[in-house]
PDB file of all heavy atoms in Angstrom:
ATOM      1  N   SER A   1      -4.697  53.615  26.853  1.00  0.00           N
ATOM      2  CA  SER A   1      -5.253  54.695  27.678  1.00  0.00           C
ATOM      3  C   SER A   1      -4.586  54.704  29.056  1.00  0.00           C
ATOM      4  O   SER A   1      -4.484  55.749  29.701  1.00  0.00           O
ATOM      5  CB  SER A   1      -6.765  54.514  27.822  1.00  0.00           C
ATOM      6  OG  SER A   1      -7.071  53.247  28.384  1.00  0.00           O
ATOM      7  N   ASN A   2      -4.127  53.529  29.513  1.00  0.00           N
ATOM      8  CA  ASN A   2      -3.388  53.432  30.785  1.00  0.00           C
ATOM      9  C   ASN A   2      -1.892  53.558  30.511  1.00  0.00           C
ATOM     10  O   ASN A   2      -1.127  52.609  30.664  1.00  0.00           O
ATOM     11  CB  ASN A   2      -3.670  52.086  31.466  1.00  0.00           C
ATOM     12  CG  ASN A   2      -5.045  52.038  32.072  1.00  0.00           C
ATOM     13  OD1 ASN A   2      -5.548  53.039  32.548  1.00  0.00           O
ATOM     14  ND2 ASN A   2      -5.658  50.876  32.053  1.00  0.00           N
ATOM     15  N   ARG A   3      -1.472  54.722  30.086  1.00  0.00           N
ATOM     16  CA  ARG A   3      -0.059  54.929  29.773  1.00  0.00           C
ATOM     17  C   ARG A   3       0.580  55.842  30.814  1.00  0.00           C
ATOM     18  O   ARG A   3      -0.101  56.519  31.589  1.00  0.00           O
ATOM     19  CB  ARG A   3       0.110  55.517  28.375  1.00  0.00           C
ATOM     20  CG  ARG A   3      -0.588  56.848  28.151  1.00  0.00           C
ATOM     21  CD  ARG A   3      -0.404  57.296  26.703  1.00  0.00           C
ATOM     22  NE  ARG A   3      -1.069  58.561  26.435  1.00  0.00           N
ATOM     23  CZ  ARG A   3      -2.321  58.667  26.050  1.00  0.00           C
ATOM     24  NH1 ARG A   3      -3.060  57.579  25.896  1.00  0.00           N
ATOM     25  NH2 ARG A   3      -2.866  59.846  25.813  1.00  0.00           N
ATOM     26  N   LEU A   4       1.888  55.861  30.803  1.00  0.00           N
ATOM     27  CA  LEU A   4       2.639  56.615  31.794  1.00  0.00           C
ATOM     28  C   LEU A   4       2.602  58.111  31.493  1.00  0.00           C
ATOM     29  O   LEU A   4       2.917  58.536  30.384  1.00  0.00           O
ATOM     30  CB  LEU A   4       4.096  56.136  31.812  1.00  0.00           C
ATOM     31  CG  LEU A   4       5.016  56.819  32.821  1.00  0.00           C
ATOM     32  CD1 LEU A   4       4.569  56.527  34.241  1.00  0.00           C
ATOM     33  CD2 LEU A   4       6.455  56.364  32.620  1.00  0.00           C
ATOM     34  N   VAL A   5       2.205  58.895  32.486  1.00  0.00           N
ATOM     35  CA  VAL A   5       2.230  60.359  32.383  1.00  0.00           C
ATOM     36  C   VAL A   5       3.114  60.858  33.524  1.00  0.00           C
ATOM     37  O   VAL A   5       2.705  60.882  34.689  1.00  0.00           O
ATOM     38  CB  VAL A   5       0.812  60.957  32.492  1.00  0.00           C
ATOM     39  CG1 VAL A   5       0.880  62.482  32.361  1.00  0.00           C
ATOM     40  CG2 VAL A   5      -0.099  60.372  31.422  1.00  0.00           C
ATOM     41  N   LEU A   6       4.346  61.222  33.200  1.00  0.00           N
ATOM     42  CA  LEU A   6       5.322  61.569  34.229  1.00  0.00           C
ATOM     43  C   LEU A   6       4.900  62.771  35.064  1.00  0.00           C
ATOM     44  O   LEU A   6       5.237  62.870  36.244  1.00  0.00           O
ATOM     45  CB  LEU A   6       6.686  61.839  33.582  1.00  0.00           C
ATOM     46  CG  LEU A   6       7.388  60.618  32.978  1.00  0.00           C
ATOM     47  CD1 LEU A   6       8.676  61.041  32.289  1.00  0.00           C
ATOM     48  CD2 LEU A   6       7.685  59.576  34.036  1.00  0.00           C
ATOM     49  N   SER A   7       4.144  63.688  34.458  1.00  0.00           N
ATOM     50  CA  SER A   7       3.738  64.887  35.193  1.00  0.00           C
ATOM     51  C   SER A   7       2.766  64.581  36.328  1.00  0.00           C
ATOM     52  O   SER A   7       2.570  65.398  37.224  1.00  0.00           O
ATOM     53  CB  SER A   7       3.102  65.899  34.227  1.00  0.00           C
ATOM     54  OG  SER A   7       1.961  65.334  33.596  1.00  0.00           O
ATOM     55  N   ASP A   8       2.161  63.375  36.305  1.00  0.00           N
ATOM     56  CA  ASP A   8       1.197  63.012  37.340  1.00  0.00           C
ATOM     57  C   ASP A   8       1.856  62.455  38.593  1.00  0.00           C
ATOM     58  O   ASP A   8       1.185  62.197  39.593  1.00  0.00           O
ATOM     59  CB  ASP A   8       0.210  61.968  36.798  1.00  0.00           C
ATOM     60  CG  ASP A   8      -0.712  62.559  35.731  1.00  0.00           C
ATOM     61  OD1 ASP A   8      -0.767  63.798  35.639  1.00  0.00           O
ATOM     62  OD2 ASP A   8      -1.346  61.777  35.005  1.00  0.00           O
ATOM     63  N   PHE A   9       3.168  62.257  38.558  1.00  0.00           N
ATOM     64  CA  PHE A   9       3.847  61.614  39.677  1.00  0.00           C
ATOM     65  C   PHE A   9       4.656  62.620  40.487  1.00  0.00           C
ATOM     66  O   PHE A   9       5.139  63.618  39.967  1.00  0.00           O
ATOM     67  CB  PHE A   9       4.773  60.499  39.171  1.00  0.00           C
ATOM     68  CG  PHE A   9       4.031  59.330  38.584  1.00  0.00           C
ATOM     69  CD1 PHE A   9       3.787  59.252  37.221  1.00  0.00           C
ATOM     70  CD2 PHE A   9       3.560  58.312  39.398  1.00  0.00           C
ATOM     71  CE1 PHE A   9       3.105  58.179  36.676  1.00  0.00           C
ATOM     72  CE2 PHE A   9       2.874  57.237  38.872  1.00  0.00           C
ATOM     73  CZ  PHE A   9       2.641  57.171  37.507  1.00  0.00           C
ATOM     74  N   GLN A  10       4.810  62.314  41.760  1.00  0.00           N
ATOM     75  CA  GLN A  10       5.597  63.134  42.674  1.00  0.00           C
ATOM     76  C   GLN A  10       6.870  62.368  43.075  1.00  0.00           C
ATOM     77  O   GLN A  10       7.012  61.174  42.794  1.00  0.00           O
ATOM     78  CB  GLN A  10       4.778  63.473  43.930  1.00  0.00           C
ATOM     79  CG  GLN A  10       3.420  64.074  43.634  1.00  0.00           C
ATOM     80  CD  GLN A  10       3.511  65.422  42.932  1.00  0.00           C
ATOM     81  OE1 GLN A  10       4.437  66.189  43.188  1.00  0.00           O
ATOM     82  NE2 GLN A  10       2.554  65.704  42.062  1.00  0.00           N
ATOM     83  N   ILE A  11       7.774  63.065  43.747  1.00  0.00           N
ATOM     84  CA  ILE A  11       9.012  62.432  44.201  1.00  0.00           C
ATOM     85  C   ILE A  11       8.709  61.261  45.133  1.00  0.00           C
ATOM     86  O   ILE A  11       9.387  60.225  45.102  1.00  0.00           O
ATOM     87  CB  ILE A  11       9.910  63.457  44.921  1.00  0.00           C
ATOM     88  CG1 ILE A  11      10.316  64.580  43.965  1.00  0.00           C
ATOM     89  CG2 ILE A  11      11.141  62.775  45.502  1.00  0.00           C
ATOM     90  CD1 ILE A  11      11.126  64.108  42.785  1.00  0.00           C
ATOM     91  N   ALA A  12       7.666  61.405  45.945  1.00  0.00           N
ATOM     92  CA  ALA A  12       7.295  60.324  46.867  1.00  0.00           C
ATOM     93  C   ALA A  12       6.924  59.054  46.107  1.00  0.00           C
ATOM     94  O   ALA A  12       7.199  57.935  46.573  1.00  0.00           O
ATOM     95  CB  ALA A  12       6.135  60.767  47.747  1.00  0.00           C
ATOM     96  N   ASP A  13       6.302  59.223  44.940  1.00  0.00           N
ATOM     97  CA  ASP A  13       5.939  58.060  44.133  1.00  0.00           C
ATOM     98  C   ASP A  13       7.186  57.320  43.651  1.00  0.00           C
ATOM     99  O   ASP A  13       7.212  56.081  43.616  1.00  0.00           O
ATOM    100  CB  ASP A  13       5.097  58.492  42.922  1.00  0.00           C
ATOM    101  CG  ASP A  13       3.768  59.111  43.337  1.00  0.00           C
ATOM    102  OD1 ASP A  13       3.194  58.633  44.335  1.00  0.00           O
ATOM    103  OD2 ASP A  13       3.324  60.061  42.669  1.00  0.00           O
ATOM    104  N   LEU A  14       8.208  58.075  43.275  1.00  0.00           N
ATOM    105  CA  LEU A  14       9.463  57.466  42.829  1.00  0.00           C
ATOM    106  C   LEU A  14      10.106  56.668  43.947  1.00  0.00           C
ATOM    107  O   LEU A  14      10.643  55.583  43.723  1.00  0.00           O
ATOM    108  CB  LEU A  14      10.423  58.552  42.332  1.00  0.00           C
ATOM    109  CG  LEU A  14      10.011  59.312  41.072  1.00  0.00           C
ATOM    110  CD1 LEU A  14      10.994  60.442  40.790  1.00  0.00           C
ATOM    111  CD2 LEU A  14       9.953  58.362  39.878  1.00  0.00           C
ATOM    112  N   GLN A  15      10.040  57.189  45.160  1.00  0.00           N
ATOM    113  CA  GLN A  15      10.634  56.497  46.299  1.00  0.00           C
ATOM    114  C   GLN A  15       9.923  55.172  46.582  1.00  0.00           C
ATOM    115  O   GLN A  15      10.558  54.182  46.948  1.00  0.00           O
ATOM    116  CB  GLN A  15      10.591  57.389  47.534  1.00  0.00           C
ATOM    117  CG  GLN A  15      11.461  58.651  47.415  1.00  0.00           C
ATOM    118  CD  GLN A  15      11.288  59.597  48.586  1.00  0.00           C
ATOM    119  OE1 GLN A  15      10.302  59.513  49.315  1.00  0.00           O
ATOM    120  NE2 GLN A  15      12.233  60.501  48.776  1.00  0.00           N
ATOM    121  N   GLN A  16       8.611  55.155  46.387  1.00  0.00           N
ATOM    122  CA  GLN A  16       7.843  53.949  46.678  1.00  0.00           C
ATOM    123  C   GLN A  16       8.120  52.823  45.681  1.00  0.00           C
ATOM    124  O   GLN A  16       8.036  51.640  46.043  1.00  0.00           O
ATOM    125  CB  GLN A  16       6.347  54.272  46.685  1.00  0.00           C
ATOM    126  CG  GLN A  16       5.917  55.141  47.858  1.00  0.00           C
ATOM    127  CD  GLN A  16       4.447  55.484  47.800  1.00  0.00           C
ATOM    128  OE1 GLN A  16       3.771  55.188  46.818  1.00  0.00           O
ATOM    129  NE2 GLN A  16       3.935  56.100  48.861  1.00  0.00           N
ATOM    130  N   VAL A  17       8.438  53.168  44.439  1.00  0.00           N
ATOM    131  CA  VAL A  17       8.641  52.133  43.411  1.00  0.00           C
ATOM    132  C   VAL A  17      10.114  51.882  43.127  1.00  0.00           C
ATOM    133  O   VAL A  17      10.445  51.072  42.258  1.00  0.00           O
ATOM    134  CB  VAL A  17       7.927  52.521  42.093  1.00  0.00           C
ATOM    135  CG1 VAL A  17       6.431  52.658  42.314  1.00  0.00           C
ATOM    136  CG2 VAL A  17       8.510  53.797  41.507  1.00  0.00           C
ATOM    137  N   ALA A  18      11.003  52.552  43.843  1.00  0.00           N
ATOM    138  CA  ALA A  18      12.441  52.413  43.561  1.00  0.00           C
ATOM    139  C   ALA A  18      12.909  50.973  43.791  1.00  0.00           C
ATOM    140  O   ALA A  18      13.609  50.402  42.943  1.00  0.00           O
ATOM    141  CB  ALA A  18      13.237  53.381  44.431  1.00  0.00           C
ATOM    142  N   VAL A  19      12.536  50.376  44.927  1.00  0.00           N
ATOM    143  CA  VAL A  19      12.970  49.007  45.229  1.00  0.00           C
ATOM    144  C   VAL A  19      12.369  48.000  44.245  1.00  0.00           C
ATOM    145  O   VAL A  19      13.100  47.151  43.701  1.00  0.00           O
ATOM    146  CB  VAL A  19      12.627  48.637  46.684  1.00  0.00           C
ATOM    147  CG1 VAL A  19      12.936  47.164  46.942  1.00  0.00           C
ATOM    148  CG2 VAL A  19      13.407  49.518  47.646  1.00  0.00           C
ATOM    149  N   PRO A  20      11.040  48.053  43.969  1.00  0.00           N
ATOM    150  CA  PRO A  20      10.503  47.136  42.943  1.00  0.00           C
ATOM    151  C   PRO A  20      11.147  47.346  41.575  1.00  0.00           C
ATOM    152  O   PRO A  20      11.337  46.378  40.833  1.00  0.00           O
ATOM    153  CB  PRO A  20       9.011  47.496  42.901  1.00  0.00           C
ATOM    154  CG  PRO A  20       8.724  48.089  44.229  1.00  0.00           C
ATOM    155  CD  PRO A  20       9.960  48.814  44.628  1.00  0.00           C
ATOM    156  N   ALA A  21      11.508  48.590  41.251  1.00  0.00           N
ATOM    157  CA  ALA A  21      12.145  48.858  39.966  1.00  0.00           C
ATOM    158  C   ALA A  21      13.497  48.166  39.870  1.00  0.00           C
ATOM    159  O   ALA A  21      13.865  47.634  38.809  1.00  0.00           O
ATOM    160  CB  ALA A  21      12.312  50.363  39.760  1.00  0.00           C
ATOM    161  N   VAL A  22      14.240  48.161  40.964  1.00  0.00           N
ATOM    162  CA  VAL A  22      15.527  47.448  40.987  1.00  0.00           C
ATOM    163  C   VAL A  22      15.296  45.949  40.788  1.00  0.00           C
ATOM    164  O   VAL A  22      16.033  45.287  40.048  1.00  0.00           O
ATOM    165  CB  VAL A  22      16.267  47.710  42.310  1.00  0.00           C
ATOM    166  CG1 VAL A  22      17.506  46.819  42.421  1.00  0.00           C
ATOM    167  CG2 VAL A  22      16.664  49.177  42.413  1.00  0.00           C
ATOM    168  N   SER A  23      14.272  45.410  41.450  1.00  0.00           N
ATOM    169  CA  SER A  23      13.946  43.988  41.293  1.00  0.00           C
ATOM    170  C   SER A  23      13.594  43.664  39.851  1.00  0.00           C
ATOM    171  O   SER A  23      14.027  42.645  39.303  1.00  0.00           O
ATOM    172  CB  SER A  23      12.784  43.605  42.219  1.00  0.00           C
ATOM    173  OG  SER A  23      13.104  43.846  43.568  1.00  0.00           O
ATOM    174  N   ILE A  24      12.787  44.528  39.219  1.00  0.00           N
ATOM    175  CA  ILE A  24      12.406  44.320  37.825  1.00  0.00           C
ATOM    176  C   ILE A  24      13.636  44.361  36.930  1.00  0.00           C
ATOM    177  O   ILE A  24      13.803  43.527  36.026  1.00  0.00           O
ATOM    178  CB  ILE A  24      11.381  45.386  37.391  1.00  0.00           C
ATOM    179  CG1 ILE A  24      10.060  45.186  38.119  1.00  0.00           C
ATOM    180  CG2 ILE A  24      11.159  45.335  35.881  1.00  0.00           C
ATOM    181  CD1 ILE A  24       9.060  46.297  37.908  1.00  0.00           C
ATOM    182  N   ALA A  25      14.518  45.329  37.169  1.00  0.00           N
ATOM    183  CA  ALA A  25      15.724  45.463  36.345  1.00  0.00           C
ATOM    184  C   ALA A  25      16.627  44.243  36.496  1.00  0.00           C
ATOM    185  O   ALA A  25      17.127  43.705  35.491  1.00  0.00           O
ATOM    186  CB  ALA A  25      16.477  46.736  36.734  1.00  0.00           C
ATOM    187  N   LEU A  26      16.828  43.780  37.730  1.00  0.00           N
ATOM    188  CA  LEU A  26      17.688  42.623  37.955  1.00  0.00           C
ATOM    189  C   LEU A  26      17.098  41.364  37.333  1.00  0.00           C
ATOM    190  O   LEU A  26      17.810  40.560  36.725  1.00  0.00           O
ATOM    191  CB  LEU A  26      17.916  42.413  39.451  1.00  0.00           C
ATOM    192  CG  LEU A  26      18.775  43.471  40.154  1.00  0.00           C
ATOM    193  CD1 LEU A  26      18.820  43.209  41.656  1.00  0.00           C
ATOM    194  CD2 LEU A  26      20.187  43.484  39.574  1.00  0.00           C
ATOM    195  N   LEU A  27      15.779  41.200  37.493  1.00  0.00           N
ATOM    196  CA  LEU A  27      15.120  40.032  36.923  1.00  0.00           C
ATOM    197  C   LEU A  27      15.204  40.067  35.398  1.00  0.00           C
ATOM    198  O   LEU A  27      15.499  39.058  34.749  1.00  0.00           O
ATOM    199  CB  LEU A  27      13.666  39.975  37.376  1.00  0.00           C
ATOM    200  CG  LEU A  27      12.820  38.824  36.825  1.00  0.00           C
ATOM    201  CD1 LEU A  27      13.456  37.485  37.171  1.00  0.00           C
ATOM    202  CD2 LEU A  27      11.400  38.894  37.386  1.00  0.00           C
ATOM    203  N   GLY A  28      14.938  41.250  34.817  1.00  0.00           N
ATOM    204  CA  GLY A  28      15.040  41.382  33.366  1.00  0.00           C
ATOM    205  C   GLY A  28      16.449  41.130  32.868  1.00  0.00           C
ATOM    206  O   GLY A  28      16.656  40.506  31.821  1.00  0.00           O
ATOM    207  N   MET A  29      17.431  41.595  33.635  1.00  0.00           N
ATOM    208  CA  MET A  29      18.829  41.407  33.258  1.00  0.00           C
ATOM    209  C   MET A  29      19.191  39.923  33.251  1.00  0.00           C
ATOM    210  O   MET A  29      19.733  39.401  32.269  1.00  0.00           O
ATOM    211  CB  MET A  29      19.733  42.160  34.232  1.00  0.00           C
ATOM    212  CG  MET A  29      21.222  42.021  33.930  1.00  0.00           C
ATOM    213  SD  MET A  29      22.272  42.749  35.221  1.00  0.00           S
ATOM    214  CE  MET A  29      21.707  44.459  35.198  1.00  0.00           C
ATOM    215  N   VAL A  30      18.876  39.235  34.347  1.00  0.00           N
ATOM    216  CA  VAL A  30      19.241  37.828  34.465  1.00  0.00           C
ATOM    217  C   VAL A  30      18.529  36.984  33.415  1.00  0.00           C
ATOM    218  O   VAL A  30      19.143  36.171  32.714  1.00  0.00           O
ATOM    219  CB  VAL A  30      18.918  37.312  35.883  1.00  0.00           C
ATOM    220  CG1 VAL A  30      19.097  35.803  35.968  1.00  0.00           C
ATOM    221  CG2 VAL A  30      19.802  37.995  36.913  1.00  0.00           C
ATOM    222  N   GLU A  31      17.208  37.164  33.294  1.00  0.00           N
ATOM    223  CA  GLU A  31      16.433  36.337  32.366  1.00  0.00           C
ATOM    224  C   GLU A  31      16.864  36.552  30.920  1.00  0.00           C
ATOM    225  O   GLU A  31      17.086  35.607  30.170  1.00  0.00           O
ATOM    226  CB  GLU A  31      14.942  36.643  32.519  1.00  0.00           C
ATOM    227  CG  GLU A  31      14.297  35.960  33.696  1.00  0.00           C
ATOM    228  CD  GLU A  31      12.881  35.538  33.385  1.00  0.00           C
ATOM    229  OE1 GLU A  31      12.247  36.210  32.564  1.00  0.00           O
ATOM    230  OE2 GLU A  31      12.429  34.536  33.950  1.00  0.00           O
ATOM    231  N   SER A  32      16.980  37.815  30.497  1.00  0.00           N
ATOM    232  CA  SER A  32      17.291  38.092  29.102  1.00  0.00           C
ATOM    233  C   SER A  32      18.690  37.624  28.731  1.00  0.00           C
ATOM    234  O   SER A  32      18.895  37.030  27.657  1.00  0.00           O
ATOM    235  CB  SER A  32      17.144  39.591  28.818  1.00  0.00           C
ATOM    236  OG  SER A  32      18.055  40.338  29.605  1.00  0.00           O
ATOM    237  N   LEU A  33      19.656  37.840  29.625  1.00  0.00           N
ATOM    238  CA  LEU A  33      21.022  37.457  29.303  1.00  0.00           C
ATOM    239  C   LEU A  33      21.212  35.942  29.331  1.00  0.00           C
ATOM    240  O   LEU A  33      21.931  35.381  28.496  1.00  0.00           O
ATOM    241  CB  LEU A  33      22.004  38.129  30.267  1.00  0.00           C
ATOM    242  CG  LEU A  33      22.067  39.657  30.187  1.00  0.00           C
ATOM    243  CD1 LEU A  33      23.198  40.192  31.054  1.00  0.00           C
ATOM    244  CD2 LEU A  33      22.248  40.133  28.749  1.00  0.00           C
TER     245      LEU A  33
END
């Protein structure tokens, strides 16, 4: 029920999570590889 609904987000929301998203991607990249 707590799933992602892209239509509920604004551009400002993307800006706020951009840096954490990079951290998640880098961490996932390093750990998995």
